[in-house]
Amino acid sequence: MSSDPAVAITAPPAEAPRNRRQEETFRKVLAAGMEMLRESSYADLTVRAVAARAKVAPATAYTYFSSKNHLIAEVYLDLMRQVPYFTDVNDSRLVRVEKTLRSMALMIADEPEFAAACTTALLSSGNDPAVRSVRERIGAEIHRRIRSAMGPDADPRMLSALEMTFFGALVNAGSGAFTYRQIADRLSYVVGLILGEEQ
């Protein structure tokens, strides 16, 4: 085991390319899954029910999503990709990183059922290769946003510490120990400790 605290982020497996029609179908099922997650609980969600809502055949939905956990993971990834980048050089690095972690933490803060479903899907899927692949892409999205906020001269050890802090914060929020809003506030404090900067 290496004593180097920096963790190299390897590129996640590439998504299979989809043509325009396939992308439209994927998006339609994804949107239906997001709607249903916002209206019901994890236990009530099925790929078949989402397919019916999207007005596609169940077999078609299963072409894109191997399980409900895979579908929920893709929904979370889609939301993560909508989180803005904070790269304004007029802001200090501390402010950029705080804004980045805060916006990612608050992404699902106002939707507790949705947040619980995402936590369950992402953490309980064991070795499901489809969910594992999406988890890796989520990690890559989080890495890109933190790296962009840190700037081009980012210390890999600080990047690693910020990523580990963020993932730990999500687990705390997902377990119900803290709300996502409380986690966002605590992240601001920890970012200051890691970066050792003043605002």
C-alpha atoms as a PDB file:
ATOM      1  CA  MET A   1       0.000   0.000   0.000  1.00  0.00           C
ATOM      2  CA  SER A   2       1.420   3.357  -1.021  1.00  0.00           C
ATOM      3  CA  SER A   3       1.969   6.091   1.523  1.00  0.00           C
ATOM      4  CA  ASP A   4       1.175   8.683  -1.166  1.00  0.00           C
ATOM      5  CA  PRO A   5      -2.186  10.254  -0.270  1.00  0.00           C
ATOM      6  CA  ALA A   6      -2.839  11.398  -3.841  1.00  0.00           C
ATOM      7  CA  VAL A   7      -5.181   9.160  -5.756  1.00  0.00           C
ATOM      8  CA  ALA A   8      -4.940   9.018  -9.511  1.00  0.00           C
ATOM      9  CA  ILE A   9      -8.306   9.288 -11.192  1.00  0.00           C
ATOM     10  CA  THR A  10      -8.479   6.987 -14.157  1.00  0.00           C
ATOM     11  CA  ALA A  11     -10.885   7.597 -16.978  1.00  0.00           C
ATOM     12  CA  PRO A  12     -14.199   5.837 -16.372  1.00  0.00           C
ATOM     13  CA  PRO A  13     -15.514   3.403 -18.946  1.00  0.00           C
ATOM     14  CA  ALA A  14     -16.914   5.286 -21.913  1.00  0.00           C
ATOM     15  CA  GLU A  15     -20.645   5.309 -22.452  1.00  0.00           C
ATOM     16  CA  ALA A  16     -21.759   3.376 -25.514  1.00  0.00           C
ATOM     17  CA  PRO A  17     -22.477   5.892 -28.264  1.00  0.00           C
ATOM     18  CA  ARG A  18     -26.149   6.359 -29.080  1.00  0.00           C
ATOM     19  CA  ASN A  19     -27.648   7.666 -32.285  1.00  0.00           C
ATOM     20  CA  ARG A  20     -30.158  10.540 -32.149  1.00  0.00           C
ATOM     21  CA  ARG A  21     -33.194   8.277 -31.849  1.00  0.00           C
ATOM     22  CA  GLN A  22     -31.581   6.138 -29.164  1.00  0.00           C
ATOM     23  CA  GLU A  23     -30.589   9.273 -27.237  1.00  0.00           C
ATOM     24  CA  GLU A  24     -34.172  10.570 -27.415  1.00  0.00           C
ATOM     25  CA  THR A  25     -35.504   7.267 -26.066  1.00  0.00           C
ATOM     26  CA  PHE A  26     -32.835   7.179 -23.340  1.00  0.00           C
ATOM     27  CA  ARG A  27     -33.736  10.747 -22.307  1.00  0.00           C
ATOM     28  CA  LYS A  28     -37.464   9.984 -22.349  1.00  0.00           C
ATOM     29  CA  VAL A  29     -37.038   6.999 -20.017  1.00  0.00           C
ATOM     30  CA  LEU A  30     -34.591   8.943 -17.820  1.00  0.00           C
ATOM     31  CA  ALA A  31     -37.081  11.839 -17.496  1.00  0.00           C
ATOM     32  CA  ALA A  32     -39.898   9.435 -16.638  1.00  0.00           C
ATOM     33  CA  GLY A  33     -37.671   7.815 -14.004  1.00  0.00           C
ATOM     34  CA  MET A  34     -36.874  11.204 -12.502  1.00  0.00           C
ATOM     35  CA  GLU A  35     -40.577  12.133 -12.370  1.00  0.00           C
ATOM     36  CA  MET A  36     -41.514   8.850 -10.729  1.00  0.00           C
ATOM     37  CA  LEU A  37     -38.703   9.118  -8.175  1.00  0.00           C
ATOM     38  CA  ARG A  38     -39.990  12.531  -7.194  1.00  0.00           C
ATOM     39  CA  GLU A  39     -43.515  11.169  -6.727  1.00  0.00           C
ATOM     40  CA  SER A  40     -42.888   7.829  -5.047  1.00  0.00           C
ATOM     41  CA  SER A  41     -40.352   5.882  -3.041  1.00  0.00           C
ATOM     42  CA  TYR A  42     -37.438   3.680  -4.016  1.00  0.00           C
ATOM     43  CA  ALA A  43     -39.458   0.572  -3.142  1.00  0.00           C
ATOM     44  CA  ASP A  44     -42.290   1.534  -5.504  1.00  0.00           C
ATOM     45  CA  LEU A  45     -40.104   2.209  -8.533  1.00  0.00           C
ATOM     46  CA  THR A  46     -39.686  -0.429 -11.236  1.00  0.00           C
ATOM     47  CA  VAL A  47     -38.170  -0.213 -14.700  1.00  0.00           C
ATOM     48  CA  ARG A  48     -41.461  -1.529 -16.098  1.00  0.00           C
ATOM     49  CA  ALA A  49     -43.447   1.268 -14.441  1.00  0.00           C
ATOM     50  CA  VAL A  50     -40.980   3.853 -15.726  1.00  0.00           C
ATOM     51  CA  ALA A  51     -41.220   2.360 -19.219  1.00  0.00           C
ATOM     52  CA  ALA A  52     -45.012   2.625 -19.093  1.00  0.00           C
ATOM     53  CA  ARG A  53     -44.770   6.244 -18.023  1.00  0.00           C
ATOM     54  CA  ALA A  54     -42.306   6.973 -20.828  1.00  0.00           C
ATOM     55  CA  LYS A  55     -44.619   5.166 -23.267  1.00  0.00           C
ATOM     56  CA  VAL A  56     -41.947   2.720 -24.384  1.00  0.00           C
ATOM     57  CA  ALA A  57     -41.888  -1.062 -24.257  1.00  0.00           C
ATOM     58  CA  PRO A  58     -40.302  -2.564 -21.121  1.00  0.00           C
ATOM     59  CA  ALA A  59     -37.761  -4.340 -23.342  1.00  0.00           C
ATOM     60  CA  THR A  60     -36.739  -0.970 -24.750  1.00  0.00           C
ATOM     61  CA  ALA A  61     -36.230   0.495 -21.270  1.00  0.00           C
ATOM     62  CA  TYR A  62     -34.173  -2.552 -20.276  1.00  0.00           C
ATOM     63  CA  THR A  63     -31.968  -1.927 -23.312  1.00  0.00           C
ATOM     64  CA  TYR A  64     -30.714   1.210 -21.580  1.00  0.00           C
ATOM     65  CA  PHE A  65     -31.191   0.398 -17.903  1.00  0.00           C
ATOM     66  CA  SER A  66     -30.400  -3.071 -16.597  1.00  0.00           C
ATOM     67  CA  SER A  67     -32.139  -2.487 -13.242  1.00  0.00           C
ATOM     68  CA  LYS A  68     -33.869   0.184 -11.205  1.00  0.00           C
ATOM     69  CA  ASN A  69     -30.573   0.870  -9.421  1.00  0.00           C
ATOM     70  CA  HIS A  70     -28.919   1.449 -12.781  1.00  0.00           C
ATOM     71  CA  LEU A  71     -31.743   3.810 -13.784  1.00  0.00           C
ATOM     72  CA  ILE A  72     -31.508   5.758 -10.515  1.00  0.00           C
ATOM     73  CA  ALA A  73     -27.718   5.983 -10.816  1.00  0.00           C
ATOM     74  CA  GLU A  74     -28.102   7.406 -14.341  1.00  0.00           C
ATOM     75  CA  VAL A  75     -30.642   9.941 -13.031  1.00  0.00           C
ATOM     76  CA  TYR A  76     -28.139  11.050 -10.377  1.00  0.00           C
ATOM     77  CA  LEU A  77     -25.370  11.308 -12.992  1.00  0.00           C
ATOM     78  CA  ASP A  78     -27.616  13.387 -15.232  1.00  0.00           C
ATOM     79  CA  LEU A  79     -28.338  15.782 -12.363  1.00  0.00           C
ATOM     80  CA  MET A  80     -24.643  15.965 -11.476  1.00  0.00           C
ATOM     81  CA  ARG A  81     -23.837  16.942 -15.056  1.00  0.00           C
ATOM     82  CA  GLN A  82     -26.202  19.894 -14.679  1.00  0.00           C
ATOM     83  CA  VAL A  83     -24.299  21.294 -11.695  1.00  0.00           C
ATOM     84  CA  PRO A  84     -22.453  24.416 -12.839  1.00  0.00           C
ATOM     85  CA  TYR A  85     -18.710  24.835 -12.940  1.00  0.00           C
ATOM     86  CA  PHE A  86     -17.315  27.593 -10.735  1.00  0.00           C
ATOM     87  CA  THR A  87     -14.213  28.933 -12.433  1.00  0.00           C
ATOM     88  CA  ASP A  88     -14.501  32.720 -12.068  1.00  0.00           C
ATOM     89  CA  VAL A  89     -10.926  33.901 -11.490  1.00  0.00           C
ATOM     90  CA  ASN A  90     -12.302  36.953  -9.675  1.00  0.00           C
ATOM     91  CA  ASP A  91     -13.333  34.588  -6.875  1.00  0.00           C
ATOM     92  CA  SER A  92     -10.666  33.116  -4.626  1.00  0.00           C
ATOM     93  CA  ARG A  93      -9.908  29.423  -4.961  1.00  0.00           C
ATOM     94  CA  LEU A  94     -11.573  28.895  -1.577  1.00  0.00           C
ATOM     95  CA  VAL A  95     -14.802  30.542  -2.763  1.00  0.00           C
ATOM     96  CA  ARG A  96     -14.807  28.581  -6.040  1.00  0.00           C
ATOM     97  CA  VAL A  97     -14.307  25.250  -4.266  1.00  0.00           C
ATOM     98  CA  GLU A  98     -16.917  26.073  -1.596  1.00  0.00           C
ATOM     99  CA  LYS A  99     -19.457  26.974  -4.293  1.00  0.00           C
ATOM    100  CA  THR A 100     -18.664  23.772  -6.181  1.00  0.00           C
ATOM    101  CA  LEU A 101     -19.056  21.421  -3.218  1.00  0.00           C
ATOM    102  CA  ARG A 102     -22.098  23.298  -1.931  1.00  0.00           C
ATOM    103  CA  SER A 103     -23.930  23.151  -5.261  1.00  0.00           C
ATOM    104  CA  MET A 104     -23.186  19.424  -5.640  1.00  0.00           C
ATOM    105  CA  ALA A 105     -24.325  18.710  -2.072  1.00  0.00           C
ATOM    106  CA  LEU A 106     -27.530  20.727  -2.439  1.00  0.00           C
ATOM    107  CA  MET A 107     -28.437  19.193  -5.814  1.00  0.00           C
ATOM    108  CA  ILE A 108     -31.040  16.916  -4.206  1.00  0.00           C
ATOM    109  CA  ALA A 109     -31.377  18.599  -0.801  1.00  0.00           C
ATOM    110  CA  ASP A 110     -35.045  19.490  -1.185  1.00  0.00           C
ATOM    111  CA  GLU A 111     -36.127  16.009  -2.284  1.00  0.00           C
ATOM    112  CA  PRO A 112     -35.563  13.567   0.605  1.00  0.00           C
ATOM    113  CA  GLU A 113     -37.265  10.574  -1.054  1.00  0.00           C
ATOM    114  CA  PHE A 114     -35.263  11.142  -4.199  1.00  0.00           C
ATOM    115  CA  ALA A 115     -32.044  11.534  -2.208  1.00  0.00           C
ATOM    116  CA  ALA A 116     -32.738   8.322  -0.269  1.00  0.00           C
ATOM    117  CA  ALA A 117     -33.365   6.422  -3.520  1.00  0.00           C
ATOM    118  CA  CYS A 118     -30.085   7.669  -4.979  1.00  0.00           C
ATOM    119  CA  THR A 119     -28.162   6.692  -1.857  1.00  0.00           C
ATOM    120  CA  THR A 120     -29.710   3.224  -1.839  1.00  0.00           C
ATOM    121  CA  ALA A 121     -29.097   2.658  -5.550  1.00  0.00           C
ATOM    122  CA  LEU A 122     -25.508   3.844  -5.529  1.00  0.00           C
ATOM    123  CA  LEU A 123     -24.386   2.161  -2.316  1.00  0.00           C
ATOM    124  CA  SER A 124     -26.274  -1.121  -2.304  1.00  0.00           C
ATOM    125  CA  SER A 125     -25.623  -2.406  -5.792  1.00  0.00           C
ATOM    126  CA  GLY A 126     -22.544  -4.411  -4.903  1.00  0.00           C
ATOM    127  CA  ASN A 127     -20.830  -5.597  -8.007  1.00  0.00           C
ATOM    128  CA  ASP A 128     -23.536  -4.663 -10.513  1.00  0.00           C
ATOM    129  CA  PRO A 129     -21.307  -3.693 -13.455  1.00  0.00           C
ATOM    130  CA  ALA A 130     -23.801  -1.182 -14.852  1.00  0.00           C
ATOM    131  CA  VAL A 131     -24.110   0.674 -11.534  1.00  0.00           C
ATOM    132  CA  ARG A 132     -20.358   0.447 -10.936  1.00  0.00           C
ATOM    133  CA  SER A 133     -19.754   2.059 -14.336  1.00  0.00           C
ATOM    134  CA  VAL A 134     -22.149   4.913 -13.539  1.00  0.00           C
ATOM    135  CA  ARG A 135     -20.561   5.365 -10.085  1.00  0.00           C
ATOM    136  CA  GLU A 136     -17.189   5.763 -11.814  1.00  0.00           C
ATOM    137  CA  ARG A 137     -18.641   8.361 -14.198  1.00  0.00           C
ATOM    138  CA  ILE A 138     -20.198  10.215 -11.246  1.00  0.00           C
ATOM    139  CA  GLY A 139     -16.790  10.208  -9.564  1.00  0.00           C
ATOM    140  CA  ALA A 140     -15.217  11.587 -12.737  1.00  0.00           C
ATOM    141  CA  GLU A 141     -17.849  14.368 -12.899  1.00  0.00           C
ATOM    142  CA  ILE A 142     -17.192  15.322  -9.293  1.00  0.00           C
ATOM    143  CA  HIS A 143     -13.428  15.247  -9.920  1.00  0.00           C
ATOM    144  CA  ARG A 144     -13.767  17.527 -12.971  1.00  0.00           C
ATOM    145  CA  ARG A 145     -15.790  20.086 -11.067  1.00  0.00           C
ATOM    146  CA  ILE A 146     -13.456  20.187  -8.068  1.00  0.00           C
ATOM    147  CA  ARG A 147     -10.386  20.290 -10.317  1.00  0.00           C
ATOM    148  CA  SER A 148     -11.858  23.153 -12.358  1.00  0.00           C
ATOM    149  CA  ALA A 149     -12.621  25.102  -9.186  1.00  0.00           C
ATOM    150  CA  MET A 150      -9.105  24.495  -7.852  1.00  0.00           C
ATOM    151  CA  GLY A 151      -7.475  25.751 -11.041  1.00  0.00           C
ATOM    152  CA  PRO A 152      -4.696  24.459 -13.275  1.00  0.00           C
ATOM    153  CA  ASP A 153      -2.057  24.252 -10.529  1.00  0.00           C
ATOM    154  CA  ALA A 154      -4.170  22.082  -8.214  1.00  0.00           C
ATOM    155  CA  ASP A 155      -2.207  19.999  -5.724  1.00  0.00           C
ATOM    156  CA  PRO A 156      -3.289  16.373  -6.338  1.00  0.00           C
ATOM    157  CA  ARG A 157      -3.242  15.691  -2.582  1.00  0.00           C
ATOM    158  CA  MET A 158      -5.699  18.512  -1.935  1.00  0.00           C
ATOM    159  CA  LEU A 159      -7.889  17.320  -4.788  1.00  0.00           C
ATOM    160  CA  SER A 160      -7.912  13.840  -3.299  1.00  0.00           C
ATOM    161  CA  ALA A 161      -8.703  15.198   0.180  1.00  0.00           C
ATOM    162  CA  LEU A 162     -11.573  17.317  -1.169  1.00  0.00           C
ATOM    163  CA  GLU A 163     -13.020  14.395  -3.132  1.00  0.00           C
ATOM    164  CA  MET A 164     -12.810  12.049  -0.154  1.00  0.00           C
ATOM    165  CA  THR A 165     -14.392  14.726   2.042  1.00  0.00           C
ATOM    166  CA  PHE A 166     -17.221  15.223  -0.412  1.00  0.00           C
ATOM    167  CA  PHE A 167     -17.948  11.495  -0.766  1.00  0.00           C
ATOM    168  CA  GLY A 168     -17.870  11.083   3.014  1.00  0.00           C
ATOM    169  CA  ALA A 169     -20.265  14.011   3.358  1.00  0.00           C
ATOM    170  CA  LEU A 170     -22.679  12.378   0.908  1.00  0.00           C
ATOM    171  CA  VAL A 171     -22.617   9.147   2.903  1.00  0.00           C
ATOM    172  CA  ASN A 172     -23.366  11.123   6.093  1.00  0.00           C
ATOM    173  CA  ALA A 173     -26.283  12.884   4.418  1.00  0.00           C
ATOM    174  CA  GLY A 174     -27.519   9.675   2.804  1.00  0.00           C
ATOM    175  CA  SER A 175     -27.479   7.879   6.153  1.00  0.00           C
ATOM    176  CA  GLY A 176     -29.657  10.580   7.668  1.00  0.00           C
ATOM    177  CA  ALA A 177     -27.000  11.676  10.174  1.00  0.00           C
ATOM    178  CA  PHE A 178     -27.236  15.193   8.723  1.00  0.00           C
ATOM    179  CA  THR A 179     -29.427  16.931   6.183  1.00  0.00           C
ATOM    180  CA  TYR A 180     -27.906  17.876   2.854  1.00  0.00           C
ATOM    181  CA  ARG A 181     -28.111  21.530   3.909  1.00  0.00           C
ATOM    182  CA  GLN A 182     -26.202  20.812   7.114  1.00  0.00           C
ATOM    183  CA  ILE A 183     -23.635  18.873   5.085  1.00  0.00           C
ATOM    184  CA  ALA A 184     -23.237  21.813   2.687  1.00  0.00           C
ATOM    185  CA  ASP A 185     -22.492  24.111   5.652  1.00  0.00           C
ATOM    186  CA  ARG A 186     -19.993  21.660   7.132  1.00  0.00           C
ATOM    187  CA  LEU A 187     -18.287  21.276   3.757  1.00  0.00           C
ATOM    188  CA  SER A 188     -17.641  25.025   3.663  1.00  0.00           C
ATOM    189  CA  TYR A 189     -15.827  24.770   6.984  1.00  0.00           C
ATOM    190  CA  VAL A 190     -13.777  21.735   5.923  1.00  0.00           C
ATOM    191  CA  VAL A 191     -12.799  23.320   2.598  1.00  0.00           C
ATOM    192  CA  GLY A 192     -11.271  26.193   4.563  1.00  0.00           C
ATOM    193  CA  LEU A 193      -9.289  23.729   6.680  1.00  0.00           C
ATOM    194  CA  ILE A 194      -8.016  21.794   3.658  1.00  0.00           C
ATOM    195  CA  LEU A 195      -7.115  24.822   1.555  1.00  0.00           C
ATOM    196  CA  GLY A 196      -5.921  26.890   4.500  1.00  0.00           C
ATOM    197  CA  GLU A 197      -6.992  30.114   2.836  1.00  0.00           C
ATOM    198  CA  GLU A 198      -8.951  33.159   3.897  1.00  0.00           C
ATOM    199  CA  GLN A 199     -11.934  34.386   1.901  1.00  0.00           C
END
